[in-house]
Amino acid sequence: AAALAGIALGTDFAVWAMASVALGLGTALVYPTLIAVVADASHPSW
């Protein structure tokens, strides 16, 4: 959310590049972790 705010406020390549790095970091914390939650909470048969 903070990274998207940075992109909305940005006006040049440097600011957008830094915000894009932050967006990637935030997504990395979430993306594999969410699927792992689902794998944890489900039986192998389903």
ModelCIF file with pLDDT and N, C-alpha, C, O atoms, coordinates in Angstrom:
data_MODEL
#
_entry.id   MODEL 
#
_entity.id                         1 
_entity.type                       polymer 
_entity.pdbx_number_of_molecules   1 
#
_entity_poly.entity_id                      1 
_entity_poly.type                           'polypeptide(L)' 
_entity_poly.nstd_linkage                   no 
_entity_poly.nstd_monomer                   no 
_entity_poly.pdbx_seq_one_letter_code       AAALAGIALGTDFAVWAMASVALGLGTALVYPTLIAVVADASHPSW 
_entity_poly.pdbx_seq_one_letter_code_can   AAALAGIALGTDFAVWAMASVALGLGTALVYPTLIAVVADASHPSW 
_entity_poly.pdbx_strand_id                 A 
#
loop_
_entity_poly_seq.entity_id 
_entity_poly_seq.num 
_entity_poly_seq.mon_id 
_entity_poly_seq.hetero 
1 1  ALA n 
1 2  ALA n 
1 3  ALA n 
1 4  LEU n 
1 5  ALA n 
1 6  GLY n 
1 7  ILE n 
1 8  ALA n 
1 9  LEU n 
1 10 GLY n 
1 11 THR n 
1 12 ASP n 
1 13 PHE n 
1 14 ALA n 
1 15 VAL n 
1 16 TRP n 
1 17 ALA n 
1 18 MET n 
1 19 ALA n 
1 20 SER n 
1 21 VAL n 
1 22 ALA n 
1 23 LEU n 
1 24 GLY n 
1 25 LEU n 
1 26 GLY n 
1 27 THR n 
1 28 ALA n 
1 29 LEU n 
1 30 VAL n 
1 31 TYR n 
1 32 PRO n 
1 33 THR n 
1 34 LEU n 
1 35 ILE n 
1 36 ALA n 
1 37 VAL n 
1 38 VAL n 
1 39 ALA n 
1 40 ASP n 
1 41 ALA n 
1 42 SER n 
1 43 HIS n 
1 44 PRO n 
1 45 SER n 
1 46 TRP n 
#
_struct_asym.id          A 
_struct_asym.entity_id   1 
#
loop_
_ma_qa_metric.id 
_ma_qa_metric.mode 
_ma_qa_metric.name 
_ma_qa_metric.software_group_id 
_ma_qa_metric.type 
1 global pLDDT . pLDDT 
2 local  pLDDT . pLDDT 
#
_ma_qa_metric_global.metric_id      1 
_ma_qa_metric_global.metric_value   91.67 
_ma_qa_metric_global.model_id       1 
_ma_qa_metric_global.ordinal_id     1 
#
loop_
_ma_qa_metric_local.label_asym_id 
_ma_qa_metric_local.label_comp_id 
_ma_qa_metric_local.label_seq_id 
_ma_qa_metric_local.metric_id 
_ma_qa_metric_local.metric_value 
_ma_qa_metric_local.model_id 
_ma_qa_metric_local.ordinal_id 
A ALA 1  2 97.00 1 1  
A ALA 2  2 97.00 1 2  
A ALA 3  2 97.00 1 3  
A LEU 4  2 97.00 1 4  
A ALA 5  2 97.00 1 5  
A GLY 6  2 96.00 1 6  
A ILE 7  2 96.00 1 7  
A ALA 8  2 96.00 1 8  
A LEU 9  2 95.00 1 9  
A GLY 10 2 93.00 1 10 
A THR 11 2 91.00 1 11 
A ASP 12 2 92.00 1 12 
A PHE 13 2 95.00 1 13 
A ALA 14 2 94.00 1 14 
A VAL 15 2 96.00 1 15 
A TRP 16 2 96.00 1 16 
A ALA 17 2 96.00 1 17 
A MET 18 2 96.00 1 18 
A ALA 19 2 96.00 1 19 
A SER 20 2 95.00 1 20 
A VAL 21 2 96.00 1 21 
A ALA 22 2 97.00 1 22 
A LEU 23 2 96.00 1 23 
A GLY 24 2 94.00 1 24 
A LEU 25 2 95.00 1 25 
A GLY 26 2 96.00 1 26 
A THR 27 2 94.00 1 27 
A ALA 28 2 93.00 1 28 
A LEU 29 2 95.00 1 29 
A VAL 30 2 94.00 1 30 
A TYR 31 2 88.00 1 31 
A PRO 32 2 87.00 1 32 
A THR 33 2 91.00 1 33 
A LEU 34 2 94.00 1 34 
A ILE 35 2 85.00 1 35 
A ALA 36 2 86.00 1 36 
A VAL 37 2 91.00 1 37 
A VAL 38 2 90.00 1 38 
A ALA 39 2 83.00 1 39 
A ASP 40 2 85.00 1 40 
A ALA 41 2 84.00 1 41 
A SER 42 2 83.00 1 42 
A HIS 43 2 78.00 1 43 
A PRO 44 2 77.00 1 44 
A SER 45 2 75.00 1 45 
A TRP 46 2 82.00 1 46 
#
loop_
_atom_site.group_PDB 
_atom_site.id 
_atom_site.type_symbol 
_atom_site.label_atom_id 
_atom_site.label_alt_id 
_atom_site.label_comp_id 
_atom_site.label_asym_id 
_atom_site.label_entity_id 
_atom_site.label_seq_id 
_atom_site.pdbx_PDB_ins_code 
_atom_site.Cartn_x 
_atom_site.Cartn_y 
_atom_site.Cartn_z 
_atom_site.occupancy 
_atom_site.B_iso_or_equiv 
_atom_site.pdbx_formal_charge 
_atom_site.auth_seq_id 
_atom_site.auth_comp_id 
_atom_site.auth_asym_id 
_atom_site.auth_atom_id 
_atom_site.pdbx_PDB_model_num 
ATOM 1   N N  . ALA A 1 1  ? 0.833  -1.209  0.000   1.00 97.00 ? 1  ALA A N  1 
ATOM 2   C CA . ALA A 1 1  ? 0.000  0.000   0.000   1.00 97.00 ? 1  ALA A CA 1 
ATOM 3   C C  . ALA A 1 1  ? 0.865  1.256   0.000   1.00 97.00 ? 1  ALA A C  1 
ATOM 4   O O  . ALA A 1 1  ? 0.586  2.213   -0.722  1.00 97.00 ? 1  ALA A O  1 
ATOM 5   N N  . ALA A 1 2  ? 1.926  1.244   0.823   1.00 97.00 ? 2  ALA A N  1 
ATOM 6   C CA . ALA A 1 2  ? 2.828  2.400   0.866   1.00 97.00 ? 2  ALA A CA 1 
ATOM 7   C C  . ALA A 1 2  ? 3.551  2.588   -0.466  1.00 97.00 ? 2  ALA A C  1 
ATOM 8   O O  . ALA A 1 2  ? 3.738  3.716   -0.922  1.00 97.00 ? 2  ALA A O  1 
ATOM 9   N N  . ALA A 1 3  ? 3.957  1.476   -1.089  1.00 97.00 ? 3  ALA A N  1 
ATOM 10  C CA . ALA A 1 3  ? 4.649  1.569   -2.376  1.00 97.00 ? 3  ALA A CA 1 
ATOM 11  C C  . ALA A 1 3  ? 3.737  2.145   -3.455  1.00 97.00 ? 3  ALA A C  1 
ATOM 12  O O  . ALA A 1 3  ? 4.175  2.959   -4.268  1.00 97.00 ? 3  ALA A O  1 
ATOM 13  N N  . LEU A 1 4  ? 2.482  1.730   -3.468  1.00 97.00 ? 4  LEU A N  1 
ATOM 14  C CA . LEU A 1 4  ? 1.535  2.277   -4.443  1.00 97.00 ? 4  LEU A CA 1 
ATOM 15  C C  . LEU A 1 4  ? 1.329  3.769   -4.226  1.00 97.00 ? 4  LEU A C  1 
ATOM 16  O O  . LEU A 1 4  ? 1.185  4.525   -5.187  1.00 97.00 ? 4  LEU A O  1 
ATOM 17  N N  . ALA A 1 5  ? 1.314  4.193   -2.967  1.00 97.00 ? 5  ALA A N  1 
ATOM 18  C CA . ALA A 1 5  ? 1.228  5.628   -2.697  1.00 97.00 ? 5  ALA A CA 1 
ATOM 19  C C  . ALA A 1 5  ? 2.432  6.355   -3.278  1.00 97.00 ? 5  ALA A C  1 
ATOM 20  O O  . ALA A 1 5  ? 2.302  7.456   -3.814  1.00 97.00 ? 5  ALA A O  1 
ATOM 21  N N  . GLY A 1 6  ? 3.611  5.733   -3.170  1.00 96.00 ? 6  GLY A N  1 
ATOM 22  C CA . GLY A 1 6  ? 4.810  6.332   -3.757  1.00 96.00 ? 6  GLY A CA 1 
ATOM 23  C C  . GLY A 1 6  ? 4.710  6.460   -5.262  1.00 96.00 ? 6  GLY A C  1 
ATOM 24  O O  . GLY A 1 6  ? 5.150  7.461   -5.828  1.00 96.00 ? 6  GLY A O  1 
ATOM 25  N N  . ILE A 1 7  ? 4.134  5.457   -5.925  1.00 96.00 ? 7  ILE A N  1 
ATOM 26  C CA . ILE A 1 7  ? 3.959  5.535   -7.381  1.00 96.00 ? 7  ILE A CA 1 
ATOM 27  C C  . ILE A 1 7  ? 2.960  6.633   -7.740  1.00 96.00 ? 7  ILE A C  1 
ATOM 28  O O  . ILE A 1 7  ? 3.158  7.356   -8.717  1.00 96.00 ? 7  ILE A O  1 
ATOM 29  N N  . ALA A 1 8  ? 1.891  6.762   -6.960  1.00 96.00 ? 8  ALA A N  1 
ATOM 30  C CA . ALA A 1 8  ? 0.913  7.818   -7.227  1.00 96.00 ? 8  ALA A CA 1 
ATOM 31  C C  . ALA A 1 8  ? 1.510  9.207   -7.068  1.00 96.00 ? 8  ALA A C  1 
ATOM 32  O O  . ALA A 1 8  ? 1.148  10.133  -7.795  1.00 96.00 ? 8  ALA A O  1 
ATOM 33  N N  . LEU A 1 9  ? 2.429  9.349   -6.112  1.00 95.00 ? 9  LEU A N  1 
ATOM 34  C CA . LEU A 1 9  ? 3.045  10.653  -5.858  1.00 95.00 ? 9  LEU A CA 1 
ATOM 35  C C  . LEU A 1 9  ? 4.214  10.955  -6.789  1.00 95.00 ? 9  LEU A C  1 
ATOM 36  O O  . LEU A 1 9  ? 4.581  12.118  -6.959  1.00 95.00 ? 9  LEU A O  1 
ATOM 37  N N  . GLY A 1 10 ? 4.806  9.919   -7.397  1.00 93.00 ? 10 GLY A N  1 
ATOM 38  C CA . GLY A 1 10 ? 6.013  10.083  -8.198  1.00 93.00 ? 10 GLY A CA 1 
ATOM 39  C C  . GLY A 1 10 ? 5.776  10.810  -9.511  1.00 93.00 ? 10 GLY A C  1 
ATOM 40  O O  . GLY A 1 10 ? 4.667  10.840  -10.043 1.00 93.00 ? 10 GLY A O  1 
ATOM 41  N N  . THR A 1 11 ? 6.863  11.397  -10.017 1.00 91.00 ? 11 THR A N  1 
ATOM 42  C CA . THR A 1 11 ? 6.787  12.117  -11.295 1.00 91.00 ? 11 THR A CA 1 
ATOM 43  C C  . THR A 1 11 ? 7.969  11.824  -12.210 1.00 91.00 ? 11 THR A C  1 
ATOM 44  O O  . THR A 1 11 ? 8.019  12.346  -13.324 1.00 91.00 ? 11 THR A O  1 
ATOM 45  N N  . ASP A 1 12 ? 8.934  10.992  -11.764 1.00 92.00 ? 12 ASP A N  1 
ATOM 46  C CA . ASP A 1 12 ? 10.089 10.726  -12.611 1.00 92.00 ? 12 ASP A CA 1 
ATOM 47  C C  . ASP A 1 12 ? 10.566 9.285   -12.439 1.00 92.00 ? 12 ASP A C  1 
ATOM 48  O O  . ASP A 1 12 ? 10.081 8.554   -11.576 1.00 92.00 ? 12 ASP A O  1 
ATOM 49  N N  . PHE A 1 13 ? 11.517 8.898   -13.269 1.00 95.00 ? 13 PHE A N  1 
ATOM 50  C CA . PHE A 1 13 ? 11.990 7.520   -13.316 1.00 95.00 ? 13 PHE A CA 1 
ATOM 51  C C  . PHE A 1 13 ? 12.550 7.067   -11.978 1.00 95.00 ? 13 PHE A C  1 
ATOM 52  O O  . PHE A 1 13 ? 12.249 5.958   -11.535 1.00 95.00 ? 13 PHE A O  1 
ATOM 53  N N  . ALA A 1 14 ? 13.355 7.892   -11.324 1.00 94.00 ? 14 ALA A N  1 
ATOM 54  C CA . ALA A 1 14 ? 14.017 7.485   -10.091 1.00 94.00 ? 14 ALA A CA 1 
ATOM 55  C C  . ALA A 1 14 ? 13.012 7.158   -8.989  1.00 94.00 ? 14 ALA A C  1 
ATOM 56  O O  . ALA A 1 14 ? 13.139 6.138   -8.312  1.00 94.00 ? 14 ALA A O  1 
ATOM 57  N N  . VAL A 1 15 ? 12.019 8.021   -8.808  1.00 96.00 ? 15 VAL A N  1 
ATOM 58  C CA . VAL A 1 15 ? 11.007 7.781   -7.769  1.00 96.00 ? 15 VAL A CA 1 
ATOM 59  C C  . VAL A 1 15 ? 10.205 6.532   -8.088  1.00 96.00 ? 15 VAL A C  1 
ATOM 60  O O  . VAL A 1 15 ? 9.952  5.715   -7.202  1.00 96.00 ? 15 VAL A O  1 
ATOM 61  N N  . TRP A 1 16 ? 9.800  6.374   -9.342  1.00 96.00 ? 16 TRP A N  1 
ATOM 62  C CA . TRP A 1 16 ? 9.025  5.201   -9.714  1.00 96.00 ? 16 TRP A CA 1 
ATOM 63  C C  . TRP A 1 16 ? 9.846  3.923   -9.576  1.00 96.00 ? 16 TRP A C  1 
ATOM 64  O O  . TRP A 1 16 ? 9.304  2.876   -9.221  1.00 96.00 ? 16 TRP A O  1 
ATOM 65  N N  . ALA A 1 17 ? 11.144 3.998   -9.853  1.00 96.00 ? 17 ALA A N  1 
ATOM 66  C CA . ALA A 1 17 ? 11.997 2.815   -9.695  1.00 96.00 ? 17 ALA A CA 1 
ATOM 67  C C  . ALA A 1 17 ? 12.071 2.394   -8.231  1.00 96.00 ? 17 ALA A C  1 
ATOM 68  O O  . ALA A 1 17 ? 11.968 1.206   -7.923  1.00 96.00 ? 17 ALA A O  1 
ATOM 69  N N  . MET A 1 18 ? 12.248 3.354   -7.326  1.00 96.00 ? 18 MET A N  1 
ATOM 70  C CA . MET A 1 18 ? 12.309 3.019   -5.900  1.00 96.00 ? 18 MET A CA 1 
ATOM 71  C C  . MET A 1 18 ? 10.976 2.465   -5.400  1.00 96.00 ? 18 MET A C  1 
ATOM 72  O O  . MET A 1 18 ? 10.943 1.515   -4.617  1.00 96.00 ? 18 MET A O  1 
ATOM 73  N N  . ALA A 1 19 ? 9.877  3.070   -5.861  1.00 96.00 ? 19 ALA A N  1 
ATOM 74  C CA . ALA A 1 19 ? 8.561  2.571   -5.457  1.00 96.00 ? 19 ALA A CA 1 
ATOM 75  C C  . ALA A 1 19 ? 8.308  1.173   -6.019  1.00 96.00 ? 19 ALA A C  1 
ATOM 76  O O  . ALA A 1 19 ? 7.671  0.348   -5.363  1.00 96.00 ? 19 ALA A O  1 
ATOM 77  N N  . SER A 1 20 ? 8.798  0.904   -7.215  1.00 95.00 ? 20 SER A N  1 
ATOM 78  C CA . SER A 1 20 ? 8.637  -0.420  -7.809  1.00 95.00 ? 20 SER A CA 1 
ATOM 79  C C  . SER A 1 20 ? 9.427  -1.466  -7.031  1.00 95.00 ? 20 SER A C  1 
ATOM 80  O O  . SER A 1 20 ? 8.963  -2.594  -6.869  1.00 95.00 ? 20 SER A O  1 
ATOM 81  N N  . VAL A 1 21 ? 10.609 -1.107  -6.551  1.00 96.00 ? 21 VAL A N  1 
ATOM 82  C CA . VAL A 1 21 ? 11.379 -2.010  -5.694  1.00 96.00 ? 21 VAL A CA 1 
ATOM 83  C C  . VAL A 1 21 ? 10.591 -2.312  -4.422  1.00 96.00 ? 21 VAL A C  1 
ATOM 84  O O  . VAL A 1 21 ? 10.490 -3.467  -4.010  1.00 96.00 ? 21 VAL A O  1 
ATOM 85  N N  . ALA A 1 22 ? 10.033 -1.270  -3.800  1.00 97.00 ? 22 ALA A N  1 
ATOM 86  C CA . ALA A 1 22 ? 9.252  -1.467  -2.577  1.00 97.00 ? 22 ALA A CA 1 
ATOM 87  C C  . ALA A 1 22 ? 8.019  -2.324  -2.830  1.00 97.00 ? 22 ALA A C  1 
ATOM 88  O O  . ALA A 1 22 ? 7.663  -3.161  -2.000  1.00 97.00 ? 22 ALA A O  1 
ATOM 89  N N  . LEU A 1 23 ? 7.364  -2.121  -3.971  1.00 96.00 ? 23 LEU A N  1 
ATOM 90  C CA . LEU A 1 23 ? 6.188  -2.923  -4.310  1.00 96.00 ? 23 LEU A CA 1 
ATOM 91  C C  . LEU A 1 23 ? 6.578  -4.393  -4.480  1.00 96.00 ? 23 LEU A C  1 
ATOM 92  O O  . LEU A 1 23 ? 5.848  -5.285  -4.050  1.00 96.00 ? 23 LEU A O  1 
ATOM 93  N N  . GLY A 1 24 ? 7.721  -4.640  -5.103  1.00 94.00 ? 24 GLY A N  1 
ATOM 94  C CA . GLY A 1 24 ? 8.197  -6.008  -5.258  1.00 94.00 ? 24 GLY A CA 1 
ATOM 95  C C  . GLY A 1 24 ? 8.512  -6.667  -3.926  1.00 94.00 ? 24 GLY A C  1 
ATOM 96  O O  . GLY A 1 24 ? 8.202  -7.841  -3.725  1.00 94.00 ? 24 GLY A O  1 
ATOM 97  N N  . LEU A 1 25 ? 9.129  -5.918  -3.010  1.00 95.00 ? 25 LEU A N  1 
ATOM 98  C CA . LEU A 1 25 ? 9.434  -6.467  -1.682  1.00 95.00 ? 25 LEU A CA 1 
ATOM 99  C C  . LEU A 1 25 ? 8.163  -6.809  -0.918  1.00 95.00 ? 25 LEU A C  1 
ATOM 100 O O  . LEU A 1 25 ? 8.064  -7.877  -0.313  1.00 95.00 ? 25 LEU A O  1 
ATOM 101 N N  . GLY A 1 26 ? 7.196  -5.904  -0.946  1.00 96.00 ? 26 GLY A N  1 
ATOM 102 C CA . GLY A 1 26 ? 5.938  -6.160  -0.258  1.00 96.00 ? 26 GLY A CA 1 
ATOM 103 C C  . GLY A 1 26 ? 5.217  -7.369  -0.826  1.00 96.00 ? 26 GLY A C  1 
ATOM 104 O O  . GLY A 1 26 ? 4.666  -8.172  -0.073  1.00 96.00 ? 26 GLY A O  1 
ATOM 105 N N  . THR A 1 27 ? 5.214  -7.508  -2.137  1.00 94.00 ? 27 THR A N  1 
ATOM 106 C CA . THR A 1 27 ? 4.569  -8.647  -2.770  1.00 94.00 ? 27 THR A CA 1 
ATOM 107 C C  . THR A 1 27 ? 5.278  -9.951  -2.422  1.00 94.00 ? 27 THR A C  1 
ATOM 108 O O  . THR A 1 27 ? 4.633  -10.981 -2.231  1.00 94.00 ? 27 THR A O  1 
ATOM 109 N N  . ALA A 1 28 ? 6.615  -9.904  -2.340  1.00 93.00 ? 28 ALA A N  1 
ATOM 110 C CA . ALA A 1 28 ? 7.380  -11.106 -2.001  1.00 93.00 ? 28 ALA A CA 1 
ATOM 111 C C  . ALA A 1 28 ? 7.047  -11.610 -0.601  1.00 93.00 ? 28 ALA A C  1 
ATOM 112 O O  . ALA A 1 28 ? 7.060  -12.819 -0.366  1.00 93.00 ? 28 ALA A O  1 
ATOM 113 N N  . LEU A 1 29 ? 6.753  -10.720 0.324   1.00 95.00 ? 29 LEU A N  1 
ATOM 114 C CA . LEU A 1 29 ? 6.365  -11.138 1.671   1.00 95.00 ? 29 LEU A CA 1 
ATOM 115 C C  . LEU A 1 29 ? 5.027  -11.877 1.662   1.00 95.00 ? 29 LEU A C  1 
ATOM 116 O O  . LEU A 1 29 ? 4.774  -12.734 2.508   1.00 95.00 ? 29 LEU A O  1 
ATOM 117 N N  . VAL A 1 30 ? 4.190  -11.537 0.708   1.00 94.00 ? 30 VAL A N  1 
ATOM 118 C CA . VAL A 1 30 ? 2.813  -12.033 0.693   1.00 94.00 ? 30 VAL A CA 1 
ATOM 119 C C  . VAL A 1 30 ? 2.639  -13.266 -0.187  1.00 94.00 ? 30 VAL A C  1 
ATOM 120 O O  . VAL A 1 30 ? 1.974  -14.219 0.218   1.00 94.00 ? 30 VAL A O  1 
ATOM 121 N N  . TYR A 1 31 ? 3.217  -13.265 -1.371  1.00 88.00 ? 31 TYR A N  1 
ATOM 122 C CA . TYR A 1 31 ? 2.786  -14.172 -2.434  1.00 88.00 ? 31 TYR A CA 1 
ATOM 123 C C  . TYR A 1 31 ? 3.013  -15.648 -2.115  1.00 88.00 ? 31 TYR A C  1 
ATOM 124 O O  . TYR A 1 31 ? 2.048  -16.412 -2.119  1.00 88.00 ? 31 TYR A O  1 
ATOM 125 N N  . PRO A 1 32 ? 4.244  -16.084 -1.839  1.00 87.00 ? 32 PRO A N  1 
ATOM 126 C CA . PRO A 1 32 ? 4.406  -17.514 -1.527  1.00 87.00 ? 32 PRO A CA 1 
ATOM 127 C C  . PRO A 1 32 ? 3.808  -17.873 -0.176  1.00 87.00 ? 32 PRO A C  1 
ATOM 128 O O  . PRO A 1 32 ? 3.406  -19.014 0.053   1.00 87.00 ? 32 PRO A O  1 
ATOM 129 N N  . THR A 1 33 ? 3.751  -16.886 0.718   1.00 91.00 ? 33 THR A N  1 
ATOM 130 C CA . THR A 1 33 ? 3.255  -17.144 2.074   1.00 91.00 ? 33 THR A CA 1 
ATOM 131 C C  . THR A 1 33 ? 1.768  -17.475 2.066   1.00 91.00 ? 33 THR A C  1 
ATOM 132 O O  . THR A 1 33 ? 1.325  -18.346 2.814   1.00 91.00 ? 33 THR A O  1 
ATOM 133 N N  . LEU A 1 34 ? 0.997  -16.791 1.233   1.00 94.00 ? 34 LEU A N  1 
ATOM 134 C CA . LEU A 1 34 ? -0.430 -17.073 1.149   1.00 94.00 ? 34 LEU A CA 1 
ATOM 135 C C  . LEU A 1 34 ? -0.690 -18.496 0.648   1.00 94.00 ? 34 LEU A C  1 
ATOM 136 O O  . LEU A 1 34 ? -1.542 -19.197 1.193   1.00 94.00 ? 34 LEU A O  1 
ATOM 137 N N  . ILE A 1 35 ? 0.034  -18.924 -0.378  1.00 85.00 ? 35 ILE A N  1 
ATOM 138 C CA . ILE A 1 35 ? -0.181 -20.293 -0.874  1.00 85.00 ? 35 ILE A CA 1 
ATOM 139 C C  . ILE A 1 35 ? 0.259  -21.301 0.178   1.00 85.00 ? 35 ILE A C  1 
ATOM 140 O O  . ILE A 1 35 ? -0.358 -22.356 0.329   1.00 85.00 ? 35 ILE A O  1 
ATOM 141 N N  . ALA A 1 36 ? 1.332  -20.976 0.911   1.00 86.00 ? 36 ALA A N  1 
ATOM 142 C CA . ALA A 1 36 ? 1.778  -21.872 1.977   1.00 86.00 ? 36 ALA A CA 1 
ATOM 143 C C  . ALA A 1 36 ? 0.720  -22.003 3.065   1.00 86.00 ? 36 ALA A C  1 
ATOM 144 O O  . ALA A 1 36 ? 0.535  -23.090 3.611   1.00 86.00 ? 36 ALA A O  1 
ATOM 145 N N  . VAL A 1 37 ? 0.021  -20.912 3.390   1.00 91.00 ? 37 VAL A N  1 
ATOM 146 C CA . VAL A 1 37 ? -1.080 -20.976 4.353   1.00 91.00 ? 37 VAL A CA 1 
ATOM 147 C C  . VAL A 1 37 ? -2.132 -21.978 3.890   1.00 91.00 ? 37 VAL A C  1 
ATOM 148 O O  . VAL A 1 37 ? -2.607 -22.800 4.674   1.00 91.00 ? 37 VAL A O  1 
ATOM 149 N N  . VAL A 1 38 ? -2.488 -21.902 2.615   1.00 90.00 ? 38 VAL A N  1 
ATOM 150 C CA . VAL A 1 38 ? -3.506 -22.810 2.083   1.00 90.00 ? 38 VAL A CA 1 
ATOM 151 C C  . VAL A 1 38 ? -3.015 -24.248 2.119   1.00 90.00 ? 38 VAL A C  1 
ATOM 152 O O  . VAL A 1 38 ? -3.773 -25.153 2.468   1.00 90.00 ? 38 VAL A O  1 
ATOM 153 N N  . ALA A 1 39 ? -1.756 -24.469 1.762   1.00 83.00 ? 39 ALA A N  1 
ATOM 154 C CA . ALA A 1 39 ? -1.200 -25.822 1.820   1.00 83.00 ? 39 ALA A CA 1 
ATOM 155 C C  . ALA A 1 39 ? -1.172 -26.347 3.249   1.00 83.00 ? 39 ALA A C  1 
ATOM 156 O O  . ALA A 1 39 ? -1.452 -27.522 3.486   1.00 83.00 ? 39 ALA A O  1 
ATOM 157 N N  . ASP A 1 40 ? -0.832 -25.474 4.212   1.00 85.00 ? 40 ASP A N  1 
ATOM 158 C CA . ASP A 1 40 ? -0.834 -25.861 5.629   1.00 85.00 ? 40 ASP A CA 1 
ATOM 159 C C  . ASP A 1 40 ? -2.215 -26.312 6.086   1.00 85.00 ? 40 ASP A C  1 
ATOM 160 O O  . ASP A 1 40 ? -2.345 -27.299 6.811   1.00 85.00 ? 40 ASP A O  1 
ATOM 161 N N  . ALA A 1 41 ? -3.236 -25.591 5.663   1.00 84.00 ? 41 ALA A N  1 
ATOM 162 C CA . ALA A 1 41 ? -4.583 -25.755 6.215   1.00 84.00 ? 41 ALA A CA 1 
ATOM 163 C C  . ALA A 1 41 ? -5.439 -26.736 5.437   1.00 84.00 ? 41 ALA A C  1 
ATOM 164 O O  . ALA A 1 41 ? -6.650 -26.794 5.647   1.00 84.00 ? 41 ALA A O  1 
ATOM 165 N N  . SER A 1 42 ? -4.831 -27.518 4.534   1.00 83.00 ? 42 SER A N  1 
ATOM 166 C CA . SER A 1 42 ? -5.598 -28.466 3.737   1.00 83.00 ? 42 SER A CA 1 
ATOM 167 C C  . SER A 1 42 ? -4.951 -29.846 3.790   1.00 83.00 ? 42 SER A C  1 
ATOM 168 O O  . SER A 1 42 ? -3.731 -29.970 3.893   1.00 83.00 ? 42 SER A O  1 
ATOM 169 N N  . HIS A 1 43 ? -5.781 -30.874 3.719   1.00 78.00 ? 43 HIS A N  1 
ATOM 170 C CA . HIS A 1 43 ? -5.313 -32.256 3.742   1.00 78.00 ? 43 HIS A CA 1 
ATOM 171 C C  . HIS A 1 43 ? -4.734 -32.616 2.369   1.00 78.00 ? 43 HIS A C  1 
ATOM 172 O O  . HIS A 1 43 ? -5.223 -32.118 1.354   1.00 78.00 ? 43 HIS A O  1 
ATOM 173 N N  . PRO A 1 44 ? -3.696 -33.477 2.315   1.00 77.00 ? 44 PRO A N  1 
ATOM 174 C CA . PRO A 1 44 ? -3.116 -33.836 1.013   1.00 77.00 ? 44 PRO A CA 1 
ATOM 175 C C  . PRO A 1 44 ? -4.134 -34.352 0.006   1.00 77.00 ? 44 PRO A C  1 
ATOM 176 O O  . PRO A 1 44 ? -3.970 -34.128 -1.193  1.00 77.00 ? 44 PRO A O  1 
ATOM 177 N N  . SER A 1 45 ? -5.170 -35.028 0.453   1.00 75.00 ? 45 SER A N  1 
ATOM 178 C CA . SER A 1 45 ? -6.138 -35.621 -0.466  1.00 75.00 ? 45 SER A CA 1 
ATOM 179 C C  . SER A 1 45 ? -6.974 -34.582 -1.200  1.00 75.00 ? 45 SER A C  1 
ATOM 180 O O  . SER A 1 45 ? -7.500 -34.864 -2.276  1.00 75.00 ? 45 SER A O  1 
ATOM 181 N N  . TRP A 1 46 ? -7.108 -33.362 -0.626  1.00 82.00 ? 46 TRP A N  1 
ATOM 182 C CA . TRP A 1 46 ? -7.857 -32.299 -1.311  1.00 82.00 ? 46 TRP A CA 1 
ATOM 183 C C  . TRP A 1 46 ? -7.071 -30.994 -1.375  1.00 82.00 ? 46 TRP A C  1 
ATOM 184 O O  . TRP A 1 46 ? -7.561 -30.004 -1.918  1.00 82.00 ? 46 TRP A O  1 
#
